[in-house]
Amino acid sequence: LISLYAKNIHLDLDMILLGNIEYTIYDSFFIFPGLFIPKIIIFLFLAILFFIFFLYHSYDQIHMVLFDREFSKIRGINIKLINYIFITALTIIIILTFNAMGSLLLLGITVAPFGLSWHNSNSYELFLKKGIIYSCVAGAVGILISLKANISIAASITFCITTVALAKHFIQKYK
């Protein structure tokens, strides 16, 4: 698709893999002189707000569908509808996120923290909370490292998440 639709555009491998969070600020809505908000933040905020609204109002149904499909069918929960809404909302968030960051950072932020919280959580709620906390901490530490070392924000966040995931893996394996 890239070679078909972007024949005359120079794309760096860094741009595709890591993205450039630093440049998202230039595509902004100007509210009034001196105050502007990046467009991606507004769109992501609306998408995440819808996703949180959906999770809040159908948490029990999602929980049942994820862990006991047969019981969900007996209870009369429309499994297909919940799956389609969940997948659609998540897909919209992921596509919007690709505008701000590259594929490695997106995968690092969405997969690795929840992989870290998977083995040491004994409930679904704890699993989600730990995954969100790991993501936020890795993001904050990655941004601080990138500011101190004057390197790419996406690369440093990905490095932080990968380092913690590998350290946890080797600590558990060689305990």
C-alpha atoms as a PDB file:
ATOM      1  CA  LEU A   1       0.000   0.000   0.000  1.00  0.00           C
ATOM      2  CA  ILE A   2       2.820   2.379   0.794  1.00  0.00           C
ATOM      3  CA  SER A   3       4.503   1.794  -2.572  1.00  0.00           C
ATOM      4  CA  LEU A   4       1.156   2.124  -4.375  1.00  0.00           C
ATOM      5  CA  TYR A   5      -0.136   5.321  -2.779  1.00  0.00           C
ATOM      6  CA  ALA A   6       3.086   7.039  -1.732  1.00  0.00           C
ATOM      7  CA  LYS A   7       5.359   6.559  -4.747  1.00  0.00           C
ATOM      8  CA  ASN A   8       6.805  10.073  -4.713  1.00  0.00           C
ATOM      9  CA  ILE A   9       7.064  10.472  -0.958  1.00  0.00           C
ATOM     10  CA  HIS A  10      10.232   9.764   0.979  1.00  0.00           C
ATOM     11  CA  LEU A  11       9.445   7.694   4.068  1.00  0.00           C
ATOM     12  CA  ASP A  12      12.079   6.908   6.632  1.00  0.00           C
ATOM     13  CA  LEU A  13      12.116   3.578   8.388  1.00  0.00           C
ATOM     14  CA  ASP A  14      12.338   5.515  11.657  1.00  0.00           C
ATOM     15  CA  MET A  15       9.135   7.369  10.824  1.00  0.00           C
ATOM     16  CA  ILE A  16       7.198   4.165  10.143  1.00  0.00           C
ATOM     17  CA  LEU A  17       8.576   2.216  13.088  1.00  0.00           C
ATOM     18  CA  LEU A  18       8.977   4.902  15.734  1.00  0.00           C
ATOM     19  CA  GLY A  19       6.887   7.824  14.491  1.00  0.00           C
ATOM     20  CA  ASN A  20       7.444  11.383  15.621  1.00  0.00           C
ATOM     21  CA  ILE A  21       5.409  12.367  18.621  1.00  0.00           C
ATOM     22  CA  GLU A  22       7.329  15.634  18.724  1.00  0.00           C
ATOM     23  CA  TYR A  23       5.714  16.883  15.482  1.00  0.00           C
ATOM     24  CA  THR A  24       2.083  16.234  16.376  1.00  0.00           C
ATOM     25  CA  ILE A  25       1.906  19.674  17.953  1.00  0.00           C
ATOM     26  CA  TYR A  26       2.178  21.347  14.533  1.00  0.00           C
ATOM     27  CA  ASP A  27      -1.166  19.926  13.329  1.00  0.00           C
ATOM     28  CA  SER A  28      -3.353  21.861  15.751  1.00  0.00           C
ATOM     29  CA  PHE A  29      -6.659  23.621  16.206  1.00  0.00           C
ATOM     30  CA  PHE A  30      -6.136  27.240  17.206  1.00  0.00           C
ATOM     31  CA  ILE A  31      -8.785  28.111  19.768  1.00  0.00           C
ATOM     32  CA  PHE A  32      -7.704  31.727  20.196  1.00  0.00           C
ATOM     33  CA  PRO A  33      -4.335  33.475  19.912  1.00  0.00           C
ATOM     34  CA  GLY A  34      -1.823  31.771  22.153  1.00  0.00           C
ATOM     35  CA  LEU A  35      -3.918  28.655  22.808  1.00  0.00           C
ATOM     36  CA  PHE A  36      -3.909  25.674  20.492  1.00  0.00           C
ATOM     37  CA  ILE A  37      -4.599  21.975  20.932  1.00  0.00           C
ATOM     38  CA  PRO A  38      -3.156  19.246  18.690  1.00  0.00           C
ATOM     39  CA  LYS A  39      -5.895  17.624  16.581  1.00  0.00           C
ATOM     40  CA  ILE A  40      -4.784  14.113  17.486  1.00  0.00           C
ATOM     41  CA  ILE A  41      -5.352  14.828  21.191  1.00  0.00           C
ATOM     42  CA  ILE A  42      -8.936  15.933  20.559  1.00  0.00           C
ATOM     43  CA  PHE A  43      -9.727  12.924  18.345  1.00  0.00           C
ATOM     44  CA  LEU A  44      -8.061  10.460  20.723  1.00  0.00           C
ATOM     45  CA  PHE A  45      -9.801  12.032  23.703  1.00  0.00           C
ATOM     46  CA  LEU A  46     -13.204  11.592  22.052  1.00  0.00           C
ATOM     47  CA  ALA A  47     -12.435   8.006  21.010  1.00  0.00           C
ATOM     48  CA  ILE A  48     -11.112   7.064  24.455  1.00  0.00           C
ATOM     49  CA  LEU A  49     -14.081   8.787  26.112  1.00  0.00           C
ATOM     50  CA  PHE A  50     -16.432   6.617  24.020  1.00  0.00           C
ATOM     51  CA  PHE A  51     -14.392   3.508  24.864  1.00  0.00           C
ATOM     52  CA  ILE A  52     -14.479   4.271  28.596  1.00  0.00           C
ATOM     53  CA  PHE A  53     -18.236   4.954  28.377  1.00  0.00           C
ATOM     54  CA  PHE A  54     -18.700   1.602  26.629  1.00  0.00           C
ATOM     55  CA  LEU A  55     -16.552  -0.228  29.204  1.00  0.00           C
ATOM     56  CA  TYR A  56     -18.331   1.448  32.114  1.00  0.00           C
ATOM     57  CA  HIS A  57     -21.810   0.533  30.900  1.00  0.00           C
ATOM     58  CA  SER A  58     -21.029  -2.998  29.739  1.00  0.00           C
ATOM     59  CA  TYR A  59     -18.190  -4.113  32.009  1.00  0.00           C
ATOM     60  CA  ASP A  60     -20.116  -7.066  33.451  1.00  0.00           C
ATOM     61  CA  GLN A  61     -21.215  -8.247  30.019  1.00  0.00           C
ATOM     62  CA  ILE A  62     -17.662  -7.965  28.631  1.00  0.00           C
ATOM     63  CA  HIS A  63     -16.335  -9.819  31.657  1.00  0.00           C
ATOM     64  CA  MET A  64     -18.837 -12.643  31.117  1.00  0.00           C
ATOM     65  CA  VAL A  65     -18.176 -12.813  27.364  1.00  0.00           C
ATOM     66  CA  LEU A  66     -14.422 -12.972  27.892  1.00  0.00           C
ATOM     67  CA  PHE A  67     -14.435 -15.665  30.538  1.00  0.00           C
ATOM     68  CA  ASP A  68     -17.607 -17.729  30.007  1.00  0.00           C
ATOM     69  CA  ARG A  69     -19.240 -17.516  26.597  1.00  0.00           C
ATOM     70  CA  GLU A  70     -21.779 -20.257  27.281  1.00  0.00           C
ATOM     71  CA  PHE A  71     -23.044 -18.548  30.436  1.00  0.00           C
ATOM     72  CA  SER A  72     -23.243 -15.293  28.456  1.00  0.00           C
ATOM     73  CA  LYS A  73     -25.447 -16.968  25.870  1.00  0.00           C
ATOM     74  CA  ILE A  74     -27.687 -18.353  28.611  1.00  0.00           C
ATOM     75  CA  ARG A  75     -27.977 -14.873  30.173  1.00  0.00           C
ATOM     76  CA  GLY A  76     -29.091 -13.493  26.785  1.00  0.00           C
ATOM     77  CA  ILE A  77     -26.069 -11.267  26.158  1.00  0.00           C
ATOM     78  CA  ASN A  78     -25.585 -10.380  22.509  1.00  0.00           C
ATOM     79  CA  ILE A  79     -21.993 -11.602  22.176  1.00  0.00           C
ATOM     80  CA  LYS A  80     -21.580 -10.533  18.556  1.00  0.00           C
ATOM     81  CA  LEU A  81     -22.724  -6.979  19.257  1.00  0.00           C
ATOM     82  CA  ILE A  82     -20.354  -6.597  22.195  1.00  0.00           C
ATOM     83  CA  ASN A  83     -17.479  -8.032  20.152  1.00  0.00           C
ATOM     84  CA  TYR A  84     -18.180  -5.709  17.207  1.00  0.00           C
ATOM     85  CA  ILE A  85     -18.465  -2.586  19.358  1.00  0.00           C
ATOM     86  CA  PHE A  86     -15.330  -3.509  21.314  1.00  0.00           C
ATOM     87  CA  ILE A  87     -13.279  -4.271  18.192  1.00  0.00           C
ATOM     88  CA  THR A  88     -14.536  -1.177  16.354  1.00  0.00           C
ATOM     89  CA  ALA A  89     -13.736   1.161  19.248  1.00  0.00           C
ATOM     90  CA  LEU A  90     -10.313  -0.380  19.758  1.00  0.00           C
ATOM     91  CA  THR A  91      -9.546  -0.235  16.032  1.00  0.00           C
ATOM     92  CA  ILE A  92     -10.462   3.450  15.858  1.00  0.00           C
ATOM     93  CA  ILE A  93      -8.200   4.208  18.814  1.00  0.00           C
ATOM     94  CA  ILE A  94      -5.313   2.245  17.273  1.00  0.00           C
ATOM     95  CA  ILE A  95      -5.685   3.935  13.878  1.00  0.00           C
ATOM     96  CA  LEU A  96      -5.789   7.371  15.481  1.00  0.00           C
ATOM     97  CA  THR A  97      -2.750   6.493  17.562  1.00  0.00           C
ATOM     98  CA  PHE A  98      -0.786   5.574  14.433  1.00  0.00           C
ATOM     99  CA  ASN A  99      -1.059   9.258  13.444  1.00  0.00           C
ATOM    100  CA  ALA A 100       0.985  10.253  16.471  1.00  0.00           C
ATOM    101  CA  MET A 101       3.342   7.349  16.975  1.00  0.00           C
ATOM    102  CA  GLY A 102       4.893   4.539  15.000  1.00  0.00           C
ATOM    103  CA  SER A 103       4.118   0.860  15.066  1.00  0.00           C
ATOM    104  CA  LEU A 104       6.831  -0.149  17.557  1.00  0.00           C
ATOM    105  CA  LEU A 105       5.755   2.373  20.159  1.00  0.00           C
ATOM    106  CA  LEU A 106       2.089   1.513  19.670  1.00  0.00           C
ATOM    107  CA  LEU A 107       2.813  -2.185  20.146  1.00  0.00           C
ATOM    108  CA  GLY A 108       5.098  -1.413  23.074  1.00  0.00           C
ATOM    109  CA  ILE A 109       2.482   0.703  24.816  1.00  0.00           C
ATOM    110  CA  THR A 110      -0.426  -1.671  24.166  1.00  0.00           C
ATOM    111  CA  VAL A 111       1.095  -5.154  24.433  1.00  0.00           C
ATOM    112  CA  ALA A 112       4.132  -5.160  26.723  1.00  0.00           C
ATOM    113  CA  PRO A 113       2.612  -3.520  29.852  1.00  0.00           C
ATOM    114  CA  PHE A 114      -0.354  -5.876  29.823  1.00  0.00           C
ATOM    115  CA  GLY A 115       1.970  -8.800  29.206  1.00  0.00           C
ATOM    116  CA  LEU A 116       3.860  -7.708  32.316  1.00  0.00           C
ATOM    117  CA  SER A 117       0.694  -7.552  34.388  1.00  0.00           C
ATOM    118  CA  TRP A 118      -0.729 -10.828  33.052  1.00  0.00           C
ATOM    119  CA  HIS A 119       1.263 -13.241  35.220  1.00  0.00           C
ATOM    120  CA  ASN A 120       1.120 -11.424  38.530  1.00  0.00           C
ATOM    121  CA  SER A 121      -2.586 -10.501  38.537  1.00  0.00           C
ATOM    122  CA  ASN A 122      -5.263 -12.687  40.015  1.00  0.00           C
ATOM    123  CA  SER A 123      -8.262 -10.723  38.738  1.00  0.00           C
ATOM    124  CA  TYR A 124      -9.289  -9.012  35.520  1.00  0.00           C
ATOM    125  CA  GLU A 125      -9.635  -5.630  37.210  1.00  0.00           C
ATOM    126  CA  LEU A 126      -6.153  -5.848  38.746  1.00  0.00           C
ATOM    127  CA  PHE A 127      -4.769  -6.921  35.368  1.00  0.00           C
ATOM    128  CA  LEU A 128      -6.191  -3.783  33.703  1.00  0.00           C
ATOM    129  CA  LYS A 129      -5.054  -1.443  36.475  1.00  0.00           C
ATOM    130  CA  LYS A 130      -1.495  -2.810  36.510  1.00  0.00           C
ATOM    131  CA  GLY A 131      -1.264  -2.642  32.706  1.00  0.00           C
ATOM    132  CA  ILE A 132      -2.357   1.000  32.695  1.00  0.00           C
ATOM    133  CA  ILE A 133       0.077   1.851  35.497  1.00  0.00           C
ATOM    134  CA  TYR A 134       2.969   0.118  33.676  1.00  0.00           C
ATOM    135  CA  SER A 135       2.112   2.047  30.488  1.00  0.00           C
ATOM    136  CA  CYS A 136       1.987   5.399  32.257  1.00  0.00           C
ATOM    137  CA  VAL A 137       5.217   4.822  34.193  1.00  0.00           C
ATOM    138  CA  ALA A 138       7.083   3.635  31.085  1.00  0.00           C
ATOM    139  CA  GLY A 139       5.790   6.648  29.157  1.00  0.00           C
ATOM    140  CA  ALA A 140       6.830   9.117  31.855  1.00  0.00           C
ATOM    141  CA  VAL A 141      10.271   7.548  32.366  1.00  0.00           C
ATOM    142  CA  GLY A 142      10.781   7.316  28.592  1.00  0.00           C
ATOM    143  CA  ILE A 143       9.960  10.997  28.125  1.00  0.00           C
ATOM    144  CA  LEU A 144      12.342  11.972  30.930  1.00  0.00           C
ATOM    145  CA  ILE A 145      15.131   9.855  29.423  1.00  0.00           C
ATOM    146  CA  SER A 146      14.536  11.349  25.978  1.00  0.00           C
ATOM    147  CA  LEU A 147      14.680  14.893  27.335  1.00  0.00           C
ATOM    148  CA  LYS A 148      17.888  14.238  29.274  1.00  0.00           C
ATOM    149  CA  ALA A 149      19.625  12.331  26.467  1.00  0.00           C
ATOM    150  CA  ASN A 150      18.138  14.419  23.609  1.00  0.00           C
ATOM    151  CA  ILE A 151      16.871  11.350  21.727  1.00  0.00           C
ATOM    152  CA  SER A 152      13.576  10.300  20.189  1.00  0.00           C
ATOM    153  CA  ILE A 153      10.686  10.104  22.636  1.00  0.00           C
ATOM    154  CA  ALA A 154       9.203   7.030  20.941  1.00  0.00           C
ATOM    155  CA  ALA A 155      12.516   5.178  20.981  1.00  0.00           C
ATOM    156  CA  SER A 156      13.135   5.867  24.656  1.00  0.00           C
ATOM    157  CA  ILE A 157       9.613   4.819  25.703  1.00  0.00           C
ATOM    158  CA  THR A 158       9.941   1.618  23.686  1.00  0.00           C
ATOM    159  CA  PHE A 159      13.351   1.023  25.249  1.00  0.00           C
ATOM    160  CA  CYS A 160      11.934   1.478  28.790  1.00  0.00           C
ATOM    161  CA  ILE A 161       9.063  -0.929  28.222  1.00  0.00           C
ATOM    162  CA  THR A 162      11.275  -3.522  26.561  1.00  0.00           C
ATOM    163  CA  THR A 163      13.908  -3.288  29.294  1.00  0.00           C
ATOM    164  CA  VAL A 164      11.363  -3.792  32.071  1.00  0.00           C
ATOM    165  CA  ALA A 165       9.686  -6.678  30.204  1.00  0.00           C
ATOM    166  CA  LEU A 166      13.000  -8.447  29.601  1.00  0.00           C
ATOM    167  CA  ALA A 167      14.151  -7.882  33.188  1.00  0.00           C
ATOM    168  CA  LYS A 168      10.887  -9.300  34.546  1.00  0.00           C
ATOM    169  CA  HIS A 169      11.147 -12.287  32.213  1.00  0.00           C
ATOM    170  CA  PHE A 170      14.706 -13.149  33.241  1.00  0.00           C
ATOM    171  CA  ILE A 171      14.024 -12.578  36.951  1.00  0.00           C
ATOM    172  CA  GLN A 172      11.050 -14.974  36.841  1.00  0.00           C
ATOM    173  CA  LYS A 173      12.901 -17.508  34.715  1.00  0.00           C
ATOM    174  CA  TYR A 174      16.065 -17.663  36.832  1.00  0.00           C
ATOM    175  CA  LYS A 175      14.526 -17.300  40.297  1.00  0.00           C
END
